């Protein structure tokens, strides 16, 4: 069971790193990112308004899928 918790912990750390980057780091550099313009919108504005939210939703689905694979690997998956 130690392998299960190691993989779960590793997955959680990866997810938290991605969350931290898009919740804090990207927004800390918003003025620098505003130098890049995509379709008439500054990249910093786009990342603050839409990009981070899209990444968070994708992160939820990725995390759930990976955790389910870990659960199945160790035989602790929920039954459908």
Protein backbone atom coordinates (compact mmCIF):
# COMPACT_ATOMS: atom_id res chain seq x y z
CA UNK A 1 0.00 0.00 0.00
CA UNK A 2 3.02 2.30 0.32
CA UNK A 3 3.31 2.41 -3.48
CA UNK A 4 -0.28 3.60 -3.72
CA UNK A 5 0.30 6.51 -1.36
CA UNK A 6 3.60 7.42 -3.02
CA UNK A 7 1.94 7.64 -6.42
CA UNK A 8 -1.04 9.53 -4.98
CA UNK A 9 1.28 11.98 -3.21
CA UNK A 10 3.33 12.46 -6.39
CA UNK A 11 0.19 13.17 -8.40
CA UNK A 12 -1.02 15.64 -5.79
CA UNK A 13 2.32 17.48 -5.79
CA UNK A 14 2.29 17.72 -9.60
CA UNK A 15 -1.26 19.08 -9.56
CA UNK A 16 -0.39 21.62 -6.85
CA UNK A 17 2.65 22.82 -8.81
CA UNK A 18 0.53 23.40 -11.92
CA UNK A 19 -2.13 25.12 -9.80
CA UNK A 20 0.47 27.37 -8.14
CA UNK A 21 2.01 28.37 -11.47
CA UNK A 22 -1.31 29.37 -13.01
CA UNK A 23 -2.77 30.88 -9.81
CA UNK A 24 0.20 32.99 -8.74
CA UNK A 25 3.23 32.95 -11.06
CA UNK A 26 1.38 33.84 -14.26
CA UNK A 27 -0.46 36.66 -12.52
CA UNK A 28 2.76 37.96 -10.98
CA UNK A 29 4.16 38.47 -14.48
CA UNK A 30 0.98 39.88 -16.03
CA UNK A 31 2.66 43.16 -17.02
CA UNK A 32 5.42 41.31 -18.86
CA UNK A 33 2.90 39.02 -20.55
CA UNK A 34 0.89 42.05 -21.70
CA UNK A 35 3.72 42.82 -24.13
CA UNK A 36 2.52 39.84 -26.21
CA UNK A 37 -0.73 40.50 -28.09
CA UNK A 38 -2.89 37.65 -29.43
CA UNK A 39 -5.97 38.46 -31.54
CA UNK A 40 -5.85 42.03 -30.25
CA UNK A 41 -5.82 41.06 -26.56
CA UNK A 42 -2.78 41.28 -24.29
CA UNK A 43 -1.63 37.80 -23.22
CA UNK A 44 -1.53 38.79 -19.54
CA UNK A 45 -5.15 39.92 -19.64
CA UNK A 46 -6.19 36.76 -21.43
CA UNK A 47 -4.36 34.49 -18.98
CA UNK A 48 -5.87 36.30 -16.00
CA UNK A 49 -9.40 36.37 -17.42
CA UNK A 50 -9.66 33.04 -19.25
CA UNK A 51 -6.44 31.05 -19.47
CA UNK A 52 -6.05 30.20 -15.81
CA UNK A 53 -9.68 29.13 -15.52
CA UNK A 54 -9.36 26.83 -18.51
CA UNK A 55 -6.19 25.31 -17.06
CA UNK A 56 -7.93 24.74 -13.70
CA UNK A 57 -10.83 22.88 -15.32
CA UNK A 58 -8.44 20.76 -17.39
CA UNK A 59 -6.39 20.11 -14.25
CA UNK A 60 -9.47 18.74 -12.46
CA UNK A 61 -10.22 16.27 -15.25
CA UNK A 62 -6.55 15.25 -15.60
CA UNK A 63 -6.20 14.72 -11.86
CA UNK A 64 -9.39 12.65 -11.61
CA UNK A 65 -8.36 10.47 -14.55
CA UNK A 66 -4.84 9.87 -13.21
CA UNK A 67 -6.11 9.17 -9.68
CA UNK A 68 -8.62 6.68 -11.06
CA UNK A 69 -5.81 4.91 -12.94
CA UNK A 70 -3.78 4.71 -9.72
CA UNK A 71 -6.82 3.39 -7.84
CA UNK A 72 -7.41 0.69 -10.45
CA UNK A 73 -3.73 -0.27 -10.45
CA UNK A 74 -3.83 -0.96 -6.72
CA UNK A 75 -7.33 -2.46 -6.65
CA UNK A 76 -9.04 0.27 -4.64
CA UNK A 77 -11.17 1.74 -7.44
CA UNK A 78 -14.83 2.42 -6.88
CA UNK A 79 -17.27 0.15 -8.65
CA UNK A 80 -19.51 1.64 -11.34
